[in-house]
Amino acid sequence: NEAIIEVSPKLVQHLKPHQIEGVEFLWNNIFESIEAIEKKKARSNGCILAHCMGLGKTLQVISFIHTILKYSHLTHVQRCLV
């Protein structure tokens, strides 16, 4: 069970456990898996990350975006609008 896509260790060291769960939530709801990416023709999934103020939603989203852009050859994401 080798990791195909992973968040940069430099970002992970700053994430708290609930933030790691948030990044996993984003992945699971937007992409699901590499197999799901390859099978889908339209990439129209999405989700909302909502939490109390100050719990690190911005860092979670930055970590997620950094990861999907870093692995764009797998995710097919070339740009992101925030």
Protein backbone atom coordinates (compact mmCIF):
# COMPACT_ATOMS: atom_id res chain seq x y z
CA ASN A 1 0.00 0.00 0.00
CA GLU A 2 2.31 2.66 -1.29
CA ALA A 3 1.07 6.26 -1.32
CA ILE A 4 0.46 7.56 -4.82
CA ILE A 5 -0.56 11.05 -3.77
CA GLU A 6 0.47 12.61 -0.49
CA VAL A 7 0.50 16.02 1.13
CA SER A 8 3.95 17.59 1.40
CA PRO A 9 5.64 16.67 4.71
CA LYS A 10 6.47 20.38 5.19
CA LEU A 11 2.73 21.12 5.24
CA VAL A 12 1.80 18.03 7.26
CA GLN A 13 4.06 19.10 10.13
CA HIS A 14 1.87 22.19 10.57
CA LEU A 15 -1.48 20.40 10.32
CA LYS A 16 -3.40 19.36 13.42
CA PRO A 17 -5.28 16.03 13.44
CA HIS A 18 -8.66 17.63 12.65
CA GLN A 19 -7.05 19.52 9.75
CA ILE A 20 -5.63 16.29 8.32
CA GLU A 21 -9.16 14.89 8.45
CA GLY A 22 -10.35 18.01 6.62
CA VAL A 23 -7.83 17.50 3.79
CA GLU A 24 -8.91 13.85 3.56
CA PHE A 25 -12.54 15.01 3.48
CA LEU A 26 -11.78 17.32 0.57
CA TRP A 27 -10.00 14.53 -1.33
CA ASN A 28 -12.75 11.97 -0.69
CA ASN A 29 -15.53 14.32 -1.77
CA ILE A 30 -13.85 15.87 -4.80
CA PHE A 31 -11.77 13.05 -6.27
CA GLU A 32 -12.49 9.87 -4.25
CA SER A 33 -9.58 7.88 -5.75
CA ILE A 34 -7.24 7.68 -8.73
CA GLU A 35 -9.51 5.04 -10.26
CA ALA A 36 -12.51 7.35 -9.93
CA ILE A 37 -10.57 10.17 -11.63
CA GLU A 38 -9.70 7.94 -14.57
CA LYS A 39 -13.30 6.71 -14.99
CA LYS A 40 -15.03 10.10 -14.76
CA LYS A 41 -15.59 12.11 -17.88
CA ALA A 42 -16.93 15.23 -16.15
CA ARG A 43 -15.14 16.47 -13.08
CA SER A 44 -17.98 18.38 -11.48
CA ASN A 45 -17.85 17.16 -7.88
CA GLY A 46 -17.41 19.57 -5.03
CA CYS A 47 -17.91 20.05 -1.32
CA ILE A 48 -18.08 22.71 1.35
CA LEU A 49 -15.55 22.85 4.16
CA ALA A 50 -17.28 24.62 7.04
CA HIS A 51 -15.99 24.87 10.58
CA CYS A 52 -15.72 27.36 13.41
CA MET A 53 -13.48 30.38 12.97
CA GLY A 54 -9.80 29.84 13.73
CA LEU A 55 -9.65 26.08 13.20
CA GLY A 56 -7.51 26.21 10.07
CA LYS A 57 -9.78 25.96 7.03
CA THR A 58 -7.39 28.12 5.02
CA LEU A 59 -4.40 25.89 5.78
CA GLN A 60 -6.46 22.81 4.89
CA VAL A 61 -7.48 24.27 1.54
CA ILE A 62 -3.93 25.45 0.78
CA SER A 63 -2.60 21.98 1.60
CA PHE A 64 -5.23 20.36 -0.62
CA ILE A 65 -4.66 22.72 -3.55
CA HIS A 66 -0.89 22.37 -3.28
CA THR A 67 -1.24 18.60 -3.38
CA ILE A 68 -3.61 18.38 -6.34
CA LEU A 69 -1.47 20.81 -8.34
CA LYS A 70 1.74 18.98 -7.42
CA TYR A 71 0.21 15.75 -8.75
CA SER A 72 -1.54 17.35 -11.73
CA HIS A 73 -0.40 14.49 -13.95
CA LEU A 74 -2.76 12.27 -11.92
CA THR A 75 -5.50 14.72 -10.94
CA HIS A 76 -5.61 16.57 -14.27
CA VAL A 77 -5.91 19.88 -12.39
CA GLN A 78 -3.82 22.61 -14.01
CA ARG A 79 -5.11 25.73 -12.26
CA CYS A 80 -7.28 26.78 -9.36
CA LEU A 81 -9.33 29.88 -8.65
CA VAL A 82 -9.74 30.92 -5.03
